[in-house]
Amino acid sequence: MPKTCCAVGCQNHNMMLKSLSFHKFPKDQERFNLWLTALKRDRPDGTPWIPTKNSVVCNAHFISGKPSSDQTHPDYVPTLFNYNTNLSSKKQQQQKLQRHANALKRKHETTPIVNQVSECKKLMLSPKQLFPGNEENIQPMYIAEPISSYKNRHGFNKPTEQPEREMFFKEISNLRDEKDNILIENQSLHDQLVKSQLNSACVENNDQKCKYFTGLSWTVFMSVNTYLSQFLTRTPLTDTFSLRDQMFTTLIKLRLDIPF
């Protein structure tokens, strides 16, 4: 059966390359929702897109080339998409995998004491030492090794070595760089959104643009807006569409003879 990746902008299908693999959406509802959110796909009419049982995501959207069931792994959710420029370089992808591998390594190296209690040294006292003169029906008593001695013997108090410390610093630096890149991208997207919106802010303090859209200079536009504002009352619409923008839109429609 033909399979085509459902990611926006991806044209991979199973008839192209044998090296391509395709993965169905997970059955776990929480993880299913994470995948759906990551795809950022809508229907042509703007309503949310709902995957079918045949919807698949190709391996090109996973850093390691396949999904992982480990919640801490970068490929627990697909992340490589056209809209995500932060993970576009191979270096950044490998850094995420390396951070996950380092975290697993530290987790295995620092095993909790409760998981190794069975390894505590048992100190046995003989019945004769505990109950002299009455040794019948007495079982040996075992005393666990003190926690402090156990910690020292298993290296829990061992200081962090210089290479490991440098590795931590490098990870922190990479995370900071990643955060800065996300903030820069967020600001850039915000600026693009503002520029793409047609409202009074687009012509603010610009007589030429203001006359082009409304037929009035910016100074005259603001004077008329100030005068009319005292006769208008606030409505639920003004919470999302200011009075100034309402007037701006009205003048544009009047100038272009657009029906209301």
Protein backbone atom coordinates (compact mmCIF):
# COMPACT_ATOMS: atom_id res chain seq x y z
CA MET A 1 0.00 0.00 0.00
CA PRO A 2 1.43 3.43 -0.92
CA LYS A 3 2.48 5.54 2.02
CA THR A 4 3.05 9.29 1.95
CA CYS A 5 4.40 11.38 4.83
CA CYS A 6 1.68 13.62 6.30
CA ALA A 7 4.07 16.43 7.39
CA VAL A 8 3.45 19.80 5.76
CA GLY A 9 5.80 20.34 2.81
CA CYS A 10 7.19 16.77 2.89
CA GLN A 11 6.72 14.75 -0.30
CA ASN A 12 8.42 11.52 0.80
CA HIS A 13 6.59 8.30 -0.03
CA ASN A 14 7.51 4.64 0.11
CA MET A 15 7.94 4.39 -3.66
CA MET A 16 10.95 6.74 -3.66
CA LEU A 17 13.76 5.20 -1.62
CA LYS A 18 14.01 1.89 0.20
CA SER A 19 15.93 3.64 2.99
CA LEU A 20 12.83 5.64 3.94
CA SER A 21 10.78 4.33 6.83
CA PHE A 22 7.32 5.43 7.90
CA HIS A 23 5.85 5.48 11.40
CA LYS A 24 2.23 5.57 12.51
CA PHE A 25 0.97 7.89 15.21
CA PRO A 26 1.42 6.45 18.73
CA LYS A 27 -1.55 4.85 20.48
CA ASP A 28 -0.84 6.67 23.74
CA GLN A 29 -3.19 9.68 23.70
CA GLU A 30 -0.77 12.08 25.37
CA ARG A 31 2.04 11.26 22.97
CA PHE A 32 -0.43 11.25 20.06
CA ASN A 33 -1.35 14.86 20.92
CA LEU A 34 2.34 15.82 21.11
CA TRP A 35 2.93 14.48 17.60
CA LEU A 36 -0.16 16.27 16.30
CA THR A 37 0.97 19.56 17.85
CA ALA A 38 4.46 19.17 16.39
CA LEU A 39 3.08 18.74 12.85
CA LYS A 40 1.25 22.12 12.96
CA ARG A 41 -1.09 21.03 10.18
CA ASP A 42 -4.55 22.46 9.43
CA ARG A 43 -7.20 21.70 6.86
CA PRO A 44 -7.69 24.08 3.89
CA ASP A 45 -10.65 25.68 5.70
CA GLY A 46 -8.51 26.41 8.76
CA THR A 47 -9.97 23.72 11.03
CA PRO A 48 -7.59 21.36 12.90
CA TRP A 49 -6.33 18.40 10.87
CA ILE A 50 -7.10 14.96 12.33
CA PRO A 51 -4.87 12.03 11.26
CA THR A 52 -6.42 8.77 10.11
CA LYS A 53 -5.26 5.24 10.90
CA ASN A 54 -3.21 5.35 7.69
CA SER A 55 -1.45 8.65 8.44
CA VAL A 56 2.31 8.22 8.81
CA VAL A 57 5.40 10.34 9.47
CA CYS A 58 8.64 9.49 7.66
CA ASN A 59 12.03 9.04 9.34
CA ALA A 60 13.29 12.36 7.89
CA HIS A 61 11.55 14.17 10.76
CA PHE A 62 13.47 12.35 13.51
CA ILE A 63 17.03 13.32 14.47
CA SER A 64 18.17 9.71 14.87
CA GLY A 65 16.06 8.53 11.94
CA LYS A 66 13.38 6.80 13.99
CA PRO A 67 11.06 7.54 16.95
CA SER A 68 12.05 6.63 20.49
CA SER A 69 9.79 5.40 23.30
CA ASP A 70 12.00 7.15 25.88
CA GLN A 71 10.23 10.34 27.01
CA THR A 72 13.57 12.09 27.58
CA HIS A 73 14.87 11.27 24.09
CA PRO A 74 14.75 14.07 21.44
CA ASP A 75 12.95 11.69 19.07
CA TYR A 76 10.08 10.95 21.46
CA VAL A 77 8.30 13.52 19.26
CA PRO A 78 9.26 14.41 15.63
CA THR A 79 11.04 17.79 15.52
CA LEU A 80 12.60 18.21 12.07
CA PHE A 81 10.15 20.30 10.04
CA ASN A 82 10.42 23.17 7.57
CA TYR A 83 9.13 25.67 10.14
CA ASN A 84 11.71 24.65 12.77
CA THR A 85 14.93 26.42 11.79
CA ASN A 86 16.60 25.89 15.19
CA LEU A 87 17.32 22.22 14.38
CA SER A 88 18.26 22.71 10.74
CA SER A 89 21.99 22.01 11.14
CA LYS A 90 23.47 18.55 11.72
CA LYS A 91 25.58 19.97 14.53
CA GLN A 92 22.56 21.12 16.53
CA GLN A 93 20.84 17.78 15.99
CA GLN A 94 23.86 15.86 17.23
CA GLN A 95 24.12 18.15 20.26
CA LYS A 96 20.60 17.19 21.36
CA LEU A 97 21.41 13.49 21.01
CA GLN A 98 24.69 13.95 22.89
CA ARG A 99 22.96 15.76 25.77
CA HIS A 100 20.49 12.87 26.08
CA ALA A 101 23.33 10.32 26.04
CA ASN A 102 25.22 12.27 28.72
CA ALA A 103 22.11 12.42 30.90
CA LEU A 104 21.65 8.64 30.65
CA LYS A 105 25.32 8.11 31.48
CA ARG A 106 25.09 10.24 34.63
CA LYS A 107 21.91 8.42 35.64
CA HIS A 108 23.59 5.01 35.41
CA GLU A 109 26.74 6.18 37.18
CA THR A 110 24.79 7.51 40.18
CA THR A 111 22.68 4.53 41.24
CA PRO A 112 20.52 5.23 44.33
CA ILE A 113 21.63 3.60 47.56
CA VAL A 114 18.24 1.93 48.00
CA ASN A 115 18.91 -0.17 44.89
CA GLN A 116 22.14 -1.52 46.35
CA VAL A 117 21.16 -2.20 49.95
CA SER A 118 21.62 -5.90 49.33
CA GLU A 119 25.34 -5.25 48.85
CA CYS A 120 25.80 -3.90 52.38
CA LYS A 121 28.36 -5.77 54.37
CA LYS A 122 26.82 -8.07 56.93
CA LEU A 123 28.46 -8.19 60.31
CA MET A 124 27.54 -11.39 62.16
CA LEU A 125 27.65 -11.76 65.95
CA SER A 126 27.70 -15.26 67.35
CA PRO A 127 24.91 -16.43 69.68
CA LYS A 128 27.50 -16.98 72.42
CA GLN A 129 28.52 -13.33 72.28
CA LEU A 130 24.94 -12.09 72.46
CA PHE A 131 23.42 -14.55 74.90
CA PRO A 132 26.07 -16.39 76.86
CA GLY A 133 24.70 -19.52 78.52
CA ASN A 134 21.57 -19.77 76.37
CA GLU A 135 22.60 -20.63 72.83
CA GLU A 136 19.64 -22.87 71.94
CA ASN A 137 17.13 -21.74 69.28
CA ILE A 138 18.98 -18.49 68.71
CA GLN A 139 19.48 -17.37 65.11
CA PRO A 140 22.48 -15.25 64.08
CA MET A 141 21.90 -11.49 63.96
CA TYR A 142 23.06 -9.38 61.04
CA ILE A 143 23.87 -5.68 61.34
CA ALA A 144 23.99 -3.54 58.19
CA GLU A 145 27.02 -1.42 57.46
CA PRO A 146 26.61 2.29 58.37
CA ILE A 147 25.50 4.58 55.53
CA SER A 148 28.54 6.85 55.87
CA SER A 149 30.92 3.91 55.47
CA TYR A 150 28.93 2.61 52.51
CA LYS A 151 29.06 6.01 50.75
CA ASN A 152 32.82 6.26 51.16
CA ARG A 153 33.38 2.70 49.94
CA HIS A 154 31.26 3.18 46.80
CA GLY A 155 32.58 6.60 45.88
CA PHE A 156 29.48 8.71 46.53
CA ASN A 157 31.60 11.46 48.07
CA LYS A 158 33.97 11.50 45.12
CA PRO A 159 34.42 15.08 43.80
CA THR A 160 33.51 15.95 40.21
CA GLU A 161 36.45 15.51 37.87
CA GLN A 162 37.62 18.35 35.61
CA PRO A 163 36.57 16.69 32.29
CA GLU A 164 33.09 16.02 33.66
CA ARG A 165 32.85 19.60 34.95
CA GLU A 166 33.83 20.93 31.52
CA MET A 167 31.19 18.70 29.93
CA PHE A 168 28.53 20.22 32.22
CA PHE A 169 29.64 23.74 31.35
CA LYS A 170 29.50 22.92 27.64
CA GLU A 171 25.99 21.53 27.95
CA ILE A 172 24.84 24.64 29.82
CA SER A 173 26.41 26.85 27.14
CA ASN A 174 24.66 24.89 24.37
CA LEU A 175 21.32 25.21 26.15
CA ARG A 176 21.81 28.95 26.53
CA ASP A 177 22.65 29.30 22.83
CA GLU A 178 19.57 27.30 21.93
CA LYS A 179 17.41 29.51 24.16
CA ASP A 180 18.86 32.68 22.59
CA ASN A 181 18.16 31.36 19.09
CA ILE A 182 14.56 30.61 20.03
CA LEU A 183 14.11 34.11 21.47
CA ILE A 184 15.55 35.69 18.32
CA GLU A 185 13.28 33.58 16.10
CA ASN A 186 10.26 34.44 18.25
CA GLN A 187 10.98 38.17 17.97
CA SER A 188 11.48 37.85 14.21
CA LEU A 189 8.15 36.05 13.79
CA HIS A 190 6.44 38.67 15.94
CA ASP A 191 7.86 41.48 13.79
CA GLN A 192 6.74 39.71 10.61
CA LEU A 193 3.24 39.29 12.03
CA VAL A 194 3.00 42.98 12.92
CA LYS A 195 4.18 44.00 9.45
CA SER A 196 1.69 41.70 7.73
CA GLN A 197 -1.30 43.17 9.60
CA LEU A 198 -3.15 46.08 8.03
CA ASN A 199 -4.01 48.46 10.86
CA SER A 200 -3.41 52.05 11.90
CA ALA A 201 0.01 51.17 13.30
CA CYS A 202 1.20 50.48 9.73
CA VAL A 203 0.77 54.15 8.76
CA GLU A 204 1.61 55.78 12.09
CA ASN A 205 3.48 59.10 11.62
CA ASN A 206 3.62 58.49 7.86
CA ASP A 207 1.50 61.03 5.97
CA GLN A 208 2.13 59.44 2.58
CA LYS A 209 0.92 55.97 3.61
CA CYS A 210 -1.96 57.36 5.66
CA LYS A 211 -3.21 59.44 2.69
CA TYR A 212 -2.87 56.42 0.41
CA PHE A 213 -5.15 54.27 2.57
CA THR A 214 -7.53 56.83 4.12
CA GLY A 215 -7.22 60.04 2.11
CA LEU A 216 -6.18 61.90 5.28
CA SER A 217 -2.78 62.87 6.63
CA TRP A 218 -1.73 61.24 9.87
CA THR A 219 -2.25 64.44 11.88
CA VAL A 220 -5.77 64.95 10.52
CA PHE A 221 -6.56 61.26 11.03
CA MET A 222 -5.57 61.44 14.71
CA SER A 223 -7.49 64.70 15.22
CA VAL A 224 -10.67 63.16 13.78
CA ASN A 225 -10.12 60.00 15.84
CA THR A 226 -9.69 61.99 19.06
CA TYR A 227 -12.84 64.00 18.37
CA LEU A 228 -15.01 60.99 17.53
CA SER A 229 -13.73 58.88 20.43
CA GLN A 230 -15.58 61.03 22.97
CA PHE A 231 -18.93 60.07 21.38
CA LEU A 232 -18.23 56.35 21.13
CA THR A 233 -18.79 53.71 23.81
CA ARG A 234 -16.63 50.68 24.45
CA THR A 235 -17.93 47.32 23.27
CA PRO A 236 -16.54 43.76 23.49
CA LEU A 237 -15.16 44.34 19.99
CA THR A 238 -12.85 47.12 21.19
CA ASP A 239 -10.99 44.64 23.39
CA THR A 240 -9.52 43.06 20.25
CA PHE A 241 -10.13 45.81 17.68
CA SER A 242 -9.36 49.32 18.96
CA LEU A 243 -11.50 52.35 18.08
CA ARG A 244 -8.60 53.81 16.11
CA ASP A 245 -8.29 50.67 14.00
CA GLN A 246 -12.06 50.57 13.49
CA MET A 247 -11.96 54.11 12.14
CA PHE A 248 -8.93 53.26 9.98
CA THR A 249 -10.75 50.28 8.44
CA THR A 250 -13.91 52.33 7.89
CA LEU A 251 -12.02 55.04 6.00
CA ILE A 252 -10.30 52.43 3.81
CA LYS A 253 -13.68 50.90 2.89
CA LEU A 254 -15.14 54.33 2.13
CA ARG A 255 -12.13 55.27 -0.01
CA LEU A 256 -12.24 52.00 -1.97
CA ASP A 257 -16.05 51.87 -2.03
CA ILE A 258 -16.06 48.45 -0.36
CA PRO A 259 -19.47 47.35 1.01
CA PHE A 260 -19.71 47.03 4.80
